[in-house]
Amino acid sequence: MFFPLRSPATWRVIAMRGKNGSRKTGGAESPEDHSLMGGELALSELRAVVESATGGDVRLRDPVWLTHFRLHHRQAKRYRDRRMILAGDAAHIHSPVGGQGMNTGIQDAWNLGWKLALVAKGRASDDLLDTYQAERWPVGRQLLRYTDRAFSLFTRVMSGSRISAWIRRNIVSRLVPWMFRSPRLRGFAFKFVSELGIAYGRSPAVAEGAPRLRGGPRAGDRLPDAPVQRDGRVSYLQRELAGPWFHLLLCGDLAGWDAREMDAVRAAYDGLLKIHHLTAAAVPDALVDTTGDAFRRLGIGATGGGAQYLVRPDGYIGARCVGRDLAFMKAQLARWLE
C-alpha cells in the first residue's frame, strides 16, 4: 500500500510478506514467521517486496523510517478491575486498516476522563467507573471485528494470484469511484471513520424518561449540533453545551419553568451542572433557535413545547424526557452524583 504524504517523506509504504519473502496473503501467523521480525528492517528487504509486486517499475530510496510490524487482534476481557483501568492500545490492539486505532483510544480516554475526575474528587459514585466498561468495551469488540474482516479481505484482494489481480483491475477500480460518488455511502463512511455514529443506548448511565420523546436523538446518542444565538451572538448548540459539566437543556418558553426549582437544582450540584434554556423568542442569556433547526434536530416542535435533555461532559445525552417537571432529571443526577 502506498499513501501519499508531504513531509517528512513523500510516501508511506506498507508491505506484507511471508517467511519466504513473498507477500503475505492472510491466514494465521506461523511460529516461523516470528524469525522475520527480528532486527531492523533493511531497505533492500522492502525493495524486494515492492519490486516483486510492481515488476520493478517502482524504486524506493531515502527512507525516513523503517520497521517491522506484526499484526495483532486482541482485546482485554475487562477494562476495569478495581483500581486498575485500561484504555487505548492497552485495552485493544488491531490492524491499522481503517485508521481507527488512535480515534478509538482518544474516545476511550474522553469517556473515562470525566468519570474518573468526578470519582477522584468525591463528587460521583464509584459505580460510575463501571459504566466505562459497559460503554467502551462493545466499541472495542466491534472495532476488532471490523479490522479483522477488512484486513482479511484486503490481503486476499492484494495477493499475487491471477484472480486477485483481475478483481483489482476490473472490479475494485470501478467499484471504489462509484462508492465515493454516493452521498449516502460517503455519509456512512464519514460517520464510521470519524466514529461520530457511536452510541451508548444500552449503557446503565443513560435513561429515557416517561413519556418518551417520539423523535430526535435518544439517550446515549451524541448531542446533535445546530446554529443558535445567545444575546445576538451567533453560536452553535454543541459549543454552548461544552465543558467539564453536566448540561441541563430546557426547551420551550422560559416562562413555563419553575425558577425556584431550577435554583435548588443548581445549588445541589454547584460546580457540576449548568442549566440552559432553548427558546424560539429572544430572551436574555437564553439559547435562541431562530431557524427551528435545533428544535427539529432534538425531535421537538418549533417552539420547544417543554422538553428536557441532560447532556454529559463528553457530549452524549445522559437522559431526556418531555414536560416541565424536573423530577426525572433530579433523579438521574442523584443516581450518579454526590
Protein backbone atom coordinates (compact mmCIF):
# COMPACT_ATOMS: atom_id res chain seq x y z
CA MET A 1 0.00 0.00 0.00
CA PHE A 2 1.26 3.45 -0.92
CA PHE A 3 -0.06 6.51 0.95
CA PRO A 4 0.89 9.96 -0.39
CA LEU A 5 2.44 12.26 2.21
CA ARG A 6 4.07 15.67 2.16
CA SER A 7 6.55 15.62 4.99
CA PRO A 8 8.92 14.26 6.16
CA ALA A 9 8.63 11.64 3.40
CA THR A 10 6.86 11.66 0.05
CA TRP A 11 5.20 8.27 0.51
CA ARG A 12 4.28 5.91 3.28
CA VAL A 13 4.70 2.28 2.21
CA ILE A 14 3.17 -0.74 3.95
CA ALA A 15 4.11 -4.15 2.57
CA MET A 16 3.20 -7.65 3.69
CA ARG A 17 5.47 -10.63 3.40
CA GLY A 18 5.67 -14.28 4.34
CA LYS A 19 8.57 -16.40 5.54
CA ASN A 20 9.84 -16.99 2.01
CA GLY A 21 9.98 -13.28 1.22
CA SER A 22 6.73 -13.23 -0.77
CA ARG A 23 3.81 -11.02 0.11
CA LYS A 24 1.66 -12.37 2.89
CA THR A 25 -1.78 -13.47 1.72
CA GLY A 26 -3.59 -13.77 5.03
CA GLY A 27 -4.23 -16.64 7.40
CA ALA A 28 -2.76 -17.39 10.80
CA GLU A 29 0.79 -16.42 11.56
CA SER A 30 3.06 -19.44 11.95
CA PRO A 31 5.81 -19.69 14.58
CA GLU A 32 8.39 -19.49 11.80
CA ASP A 33 7.11 -16.02 10.88
CA HIS A 34 8.46 -14.64 14.16
CA SER A 35 12.04 -15.02 12.94
CA LEU A 36 11.35 -12.49 10.19
CA MET A 37 10.55 -9.80 12.73
CA GLY A 38 13.95 -9.82 14.42
CA GLY A 39 16.40 -6.99 13.86
CA GLU A 40 15.92 -3.80 11.89
CA LEU A 41 14.17 -3.70 8.53
CA ALA A 42 16.64 -3.13 5.71
CA LEU A 43 15.75 -1.03 2.67
CA SER A 44 16.79 -3.97 0.48
CA GLU A 45 14.09 -6.14 2.09
CA LEU A 46 11.39 -3.59 1.39
CA ARG A 47 12.66 -3.08 -2.13
CA ALA A 48 12.46 -6.81 -2.82
CA VAL A 49 8.81 -6.96 -1.81
CA VAL A 50 7.81 -3.79 -3.69
CA GLU A 51 9.69 -4.73 -6.85
CA SER A 52 8.12 -8.18 -6.81
CA ALA A 53 4.65 -6.58 -6.73
CA THR A 54 5.33 -3.82 -9.27
CA GLY A 55 7.59 -5.66 -11.69
CA GLY A 56 10.47 -3.34 -10.88
CA ASP A 57 8.68 -0.19 -12.07
CA VAL A 58 8.84 1.41 -8.60
CA ARG A 59 12.14 2.18 -6.90
CA LEU A 60 12.48 3.14 -3.25
CA ARG A 61 15.17 5.46 -1.88
CA ASP A 62 16.00 7.81 1.00
CA PRO A 63 13.88 6.17 3.72
CA VAL A 64 12.99 8.29 6.74
CA TRP A 65 11.97 5.36 8.96
CA LEU A 66 11.87 1.58 8.51
CA THR A 67 10.47 -1.01 10.88
CA HIS A 68 8.95 -4.46 11.07
CA PHE A 69 5.35 -4.59 12.24
CA ARG A 70 3.45 -7.65 13.38
CA LEU A 71 -0.33 -7.50 13.39
CA HIS A 72 -2.31 -8.46 16.47
CA HIS A 73 -6.06 -8.63 17.13
CA ARG A 74 -6.57 -8.67 20.88
CA GLN A 75 -8.88 -7.16 23.45
CA ALA A 76 -8.81 -7.21 27.24
CA LYS A 77 -11.74 -9.04 28.80
CA ARG A 78 -12.22 -6.26 31.31
CA TYR A 79 -11.30 -2.60 31.04
CA ARG A 80 -11.57 -2.09 34.81
CA ASP A 81 -10.53 -4.22 37.77
CA ARG A 82 -10.91 -2.19 40.96
CA ARG A 83 -8.16 0.49 40.80
CA MET A 84 -6.67 -0.69 37.50
CA ILE A 85 -8.20 0.73 34.31
CA LEU A 86 -7.14 0.09 30.71
CA ALA A 87 -7.62 2.39 27.71
CA GLY A 88 -6.33 2.70 24.15
CA ASP A 89 -3.78 0.15 22.95
CA ALA A 90 -3.57 -1.35 26.44
CA ALA A 91 -7.23 -2.38 26.09
CA HIS A 92 -7.38 -3.30 22.41
CA ILE A 93 -4.87 -3.73 19.59
CA HIS A 94 -5.66 -4.47 15.96
CA SER A 95 -4.76 -3.96 12.34
CA PRO A 96 -4.36 -0.31 11.27
CA VAL A 97 -6.82 -0.95 8.40
CA GLY A 98 -9.47 1.77 8.58
CA GLY A 99 -7.33 4.11 10.66
CA GLN A 100 -9.48 3.69 13.78
CA GLY A 101 -6.86 2.96 16.45
CA MET A 102 -5.96 6.49 17.53
CA ASN A 103 -9.54 7.74 17.37
CA THR A 104 -10.79 4.83 19.47
CA GLY A 105 -8.06 5.34 22.06
CA ILE A 106 -8.85 9.05 22.33
CA GLN A 107 -12.55 8.31 22.78
CA ASP A 108 -11.69 5.74 25.46
CA ALA A 109 -9.82 8.45 27.35
CA TRP A 110 -12.58 11.02 26.79
CA ASN A 111 -15.23 8.61 28.08
CA LEU A 112 -13.14 7.66 31.09
CA GLY A 113 -11.65 11.05 31.94
CA TRP A 114 -14.71 12.89 33.20
CA LYS A 115 -15.93 9.86 35.14
CA LEU A 116 -12.57 9.32 36.80
CA ALA A 117 -12.29 13.01 37.67
CA LEU A 118 -15.68 13.07 39.38
CA VAL A 119 -15.00 9.90 41.37
CA ALA A 120 -11.49 11.05 42.36
CA LYS A 121 -12.94 14.35 43.64
CA GLY A 122 -15.60 12.51 45.63
CA ARG A 123 -18.40 14.06 43.58
CA ALA A 124 -19.65 10.85 41.95
CA SER A 125 -20.39 7.27 42.92
CA ASP A 126 -17.68 4.68 42.27
CA ASP A 127 -20.27 2.79 40.22
CA LEU A 128 -19.90 5.47 37.55
CA LEU A 129 -16.50 3.99 36.63
CA ASP A 130 -18.14 0.65 35.80
CA THR A 131 -20.07 2.36 33.01
CA TYR A 132 -16.74 2.87 31.20
CA GLN A 133 -16.55 -0.89 30.64
CA ALA A 134 -20.22 -1.04 29.67
CA GLU A 135 -19.86 1.72 27.07
CA ARG A 136 -16.40 1.27 25.60
CA TRP A 137 -15.85 -2.49 25.62
CA PRO A 138 -18.54 -3.14 22.94
CA VAL A 139 -16.95 -0.42 20.79
CA GLY A 140 -13.58 -2.16 21.02
CA ARG A 141 -15.12 -5.52 20.20
CA GLN A 142 -16.87 -4.14 17.10
CA LEU A 143 -13.65 -2.45 16.02
CA LEU A 144 -11.70 -5.70 16.21
CA ARG A 145 -14.35 -7.50 14.20
CA TYR A 146 -14.28 -4.83 11.50
CA THR A 147 -10.50 -4.57 11.24
CA ASP A 148 -10.07 -8.35 11.22
CA ARG A 149 -12.56 -8.78 8.38
CA ALA A 150 -11.25 -5.76 6.48
CA PHE A 151 -7.66 -6.95 6.74
CA SER A 152 -8.59 -10.48 5.64
CA LEU A 153 -10.42 -9.06 2.62
CA PHE A 154 -7.54 -6.72 1.85
CA THR A 155 -4.91 -9.48 1.93
CA ARG A 156 -6.99 -11.62 -0.40
CA VAL A 157 -7.53 -8.79 -2.87
CA MET A 158 -3.88 -7.75 -2.73
CA SER A 159 -2.46 -11.26 -3.09
CA GLY A 160 -0.38 -12.15 -6.12
CA SER A 161 -2.89 -14.60 -7.62
CA ARG A 162 -4.33 -14.04 -11.08
CA ILE A 163 -7.87 -13.93 -9.72
CA SER A 164 -6.94 -11.20 -7.24
CA ALA A 165 -5.22 -9.20 -9.96
CA TRP A 166 -8.31 -9.49 -12.16
CA ILE A 167 -10.53 -8.32 -9.28
CA ARG A 168 -8.30 -5.30 -8.69
CA ARG A 169 -8.31 -4.29 -12.36
CA ASN A 170 -11.95 -4.96 -13.23
CA ILE A 171 -13.98 -4.66 -10.05
CA VAL A 172 -12.17 -2.62 -7.40
CA SER A 173 -11.11 0.07 -9.89
CA ARG A 174 -14.77 0.58 -10.88
CA LEU A 175 -16.46 -0.04 -7.53
CA VAL A 176 -14.47 2.38 -5.37
CA PRO A 177 -15.09 5.51 -7.53
CA TRP A 178 -18.79 4.65 -7.68
CA MET A 179 -18.96 4.30 -3.90
CA PHE A 180 -17.42 7.71 -3.33
CA ARG A 181 -19.98 9.32 -5.67
CA SER A 182 -22.86 8.15 -3.48
CA PRO A 183 -23.82 10.78 -0.83
CA ARG A 184 -25.36 8.07 1.34
CA LEU A 185 -22.26 5.88 1.26
CA ARG A 186 -20.00 8.89 1.83
CA GLY A 187 -22.11 9.86 4.81
CA PHE A 188 -21.94 6.35 6.23
CA ALA A 189 -18.18 6.19 5.67
CA PHE A 190 -17.69 9.57 7.37
CA LYS A 191 -19.71 8.55 10.42
CA PHE A 192 -17.81 5.29 10.68
CA VAL A 193 -14.30 6.67 10.23
CA SER A 194 -14.94 9.69 12.46
CA GLU A 195 -16.75 7.46 14.98
CA LEU A 196 -19.45 10.12 15.35
CA GLY A 197 -22.08 7.41 14.94
CA ILE A 198 -21.13 5.61 18.17
CA ALA A 199 -23.96 5.49 20.69
CA TYR A 200 -24.35 4.13 24.21
CA GLY A 201 -28.06 3.35 24.19
CA ARG A 202 -27.63 0.19 26.30
CA SER A 203 -25.44 1.86 28.91
CA PRO A 204 -26.65 1.92 32.53
CA ALA A 205 -25.51 5.55 32.61
CA VAL A 206 -28.28 6.78 30.25
CA ALA A 207 -32.05 6.76 30.62
CA GLU A 208 -35.24 7.65 28.75
CA GLY A 209 -37.95 9.43 30.69
CA ALA A 210 -41.66 8.68 30.61
CA PRO A 211 -43.44 9.66 28.49
CA ARG A 212 -40.67 9.47 25.93
CA LEU A 213 -39.91 11.92 23.22
CA ARG A 214 -41.03 10.36 19.96
CA GLY A 215 -38.29 11.79 17.75
CA GLY A 216 -34.80 13.16 17.94
CA PRO A 217 -31.63 11.64 19.37
CA ARG A 218 -32.11 9.08 22.10
CA ALA A 219 -30.37 8.82 25.44
CA GLY A 220 -26.89 7.50 24.69
CA ASP A 221 -26.59 9.35 21.36
CA ARG A 222 -24.34 12.33 20.74
CA LEU A 223 -25.96 15.70 21.13
CA PRO A 224 -26.73 16.99 17.61
CA ASP A 225 -25.40 20.35 16.54
CA ALA A 226 -27.34 23.31 15.19
CA PRO A 227 -26.89 27.08 14.94
CA VAL A 228 -28.25 29.13 17.84
CA GLN A 229 -27.88 32.66 19.15
CA ARG A 230 -27.12 33.96 22.63
CA ASP A 231 -27.71 37.67 23.23
CA GLY A 232 -27.46 38.28 19.49
CA ARG A 233 -24.17 36.38 19.15
CA VAL A 234 -24.17 33.53 16.63
CA SER A 235 -23.04 30.23 18.10
CA TYR A 236 -23.74 26.50 17.97
CA LEU A 237 -25.56 24.15 20.30
CA GLN A 238 -22.57 21.86 20.90
CA ARG A 239 -20.30 24.82 21.59
CA GLU A 240 -22.67 26.25 24.18
CA LEU A 241 -23.11 22.89 25.90
CA ALA A 242 -19.39 22.02 26.04
CA GLY A 243 -17.09 21.91 29.04
CA PRO A 244 -16.46 19.77 32.13
CA TRP A 245 -20.01 19.93 33.45
CA PHE A 246 -23.37 18.28 33.05
CA HIS A 247 -25.67 20.49 30.99
CA LEU A 248 -29.42 20.54 31.54
CA LEU A 249 -31.09 21.88 28.39
CA LEU A 250 -34.65 23.08 28.99
CA CYS A 251 -36.55 23.57 25.73
CA GLY A 252 -39.56 25.84 25.43
CA ASP A 253 -40.95 29.16 26.65
CA LEU A 254 -38.88 30.41 29.57
CA ALA A 255 -41.99 31.41 31.50
CA GLY A 256 -43.10 27.79 31.79
CA TRP A 257 -40.27 26.69 34.10
CA ASP A 258 -40.24 26.88 37.91
CA ALA A 259 -37.43 29.30 38.76
CA ARG A 260 -37.21 28.20 42.43
CA GLU A 261 -36.90 24.55 41.44
CA MET A 262 -34.13 25.36 38.98
CA ASP A 263 -32.26 27.36 41.63
CA ALA A 264 -32.48 24.41 44.02
CA VAL A 265 -31.04 22.05 41.41
CA ARG A 266 -28.19 24.46 40.68
CA ALA A 267 -27.36 24.74 44.38
CA ALA A 268 -27.44 20.97 44.87
CA TYR A 269 -24.92 20.41 42.08
CA ASP A 270 -22.86 23.56 42.29
CA GLY A 271 -19.81 23.30 40.03
CA LEU A 272 -21.17 20.18 38.31
CA LEU A 273 -24.26 21.36 36.44
CA LYS A 274 -25.17 24.22 34.14
CA ILE A 275 -28.76 24.94 33.14
CA HIS A 276 -29.54 26.34 29.69
CA HIS A 277 -32.79 27.46 28.06
CA LEU A 278 -33.52 26.89 24.37
CA THR A 279 -36.30 29.15 23.13
CA ALA A 280 -37.80 30.41 19.90
CA ALA A 281 -38.12 34.00 21.15
CA ALA A 282 -35.20 36.23 22.05
CA VAL A 283 -34.61 36.06 25.81
CA PRO A 284 -31.52 37.42 27.62
CA ASP A 285 -28.84 34.73 28.20
CA ALA A 286 -31.00 32.03 26.58
CA LEU A 287 -30.11 29.99 23.51
CA VAL A 288 -32.38 31.20 20.73
CA ASP A 289 -33.27 28.95 17.83
CA THR A 290 -34.13 31.47 15.13
CA THR A 291 -34.43 28.88 12.33
CA GLY A 292 -36.15 26.00 14.14
CA ASP A 293 -33.26 23.72 13.19
CA ALA A 294 -32.18 22.99 16.76
CA PHE A 295 -35.73 22.08 17.80
CA ARG A 296 -36.10 19.88 14.75
CA ARG A 297 -32.86 18.02 15.39
CA LEU A 298 -33.85 17.49 19.00
CA GLY A 299 -37.13 15.96 17.86
CA ILE A 300 -39.45 18.56 19.36
CA GLY A 301 -41.83 21.16 17.97
CA ALA A 302 -40.85 24.51 16.54
CA THR A 303 -41.48 26.25 19.88
CA GLY A 304 -39.97 23.58 22.13
CA GLY A 305 -43.21 22.55 23.78
CA GLY A 306 -41.48 21.65 27.04
CA ALA A 307 -38.70 19.07 26.76
CA GLN A 308 -35.52 18.32 28.71
CA TYR A 309 -32.10 16.99 27.74
CA LEU A 310 -29.35 16.15 30.21
CA VAL A 311 -26.00 16.27 28.36
CA ARG A 312 -22.93 14.62 29.87
CA PRO A 313 -19.46 16.23 29.93
CA ASP A 314 -18.46 14.06 26.93
CA GLY A 315 -21.25 15.50 24.78
CA TYR A 316 -23.53 12.45 24.96
CA ILE A 317 -27.15 12.61 26.05
CA GLY A 318 -27.47 11.10 29.52
CA ALA A 319 -31.23 11.46 29.82
CA ARG A 320 -34.21 13.10 28.12
CA CYS A 321 -37.92 13.49 28.72
CA VAL A 322 -40.91 15.66 27.85
CA GLY A 323 -42.68 18.12 30.11
CA ARG A 324 -41.51 20.75 32.58
CA ASP A 325 -41.37 18.70 35.76
CA LEU A 326 -37.72 18.29 36.77
CA ALA A 327 -38.30 15.22 38.97
CA PHE A 328 -36.91 12.76 36.43
CA MET A 329 -33.76 14.81 35.80
CA LYS A 330 -33.17 15.28 39.52
CA ALA A 331 -33.43 11.51 39.99
CA GLN A 332 -30.86 10.90 37.25
CA LEU A 333 -28.43 13.41 38.72
CA ALA A 334 -28.83 11.95 42.21
CA ARG A 335 -28.23 8.48 40.82
CA TRP A 336 -24.62 9.21 39.89
CA LEU A 337 -23.52 12.44 41.58
CA GLU A 338 -22.88 13.12 45.24
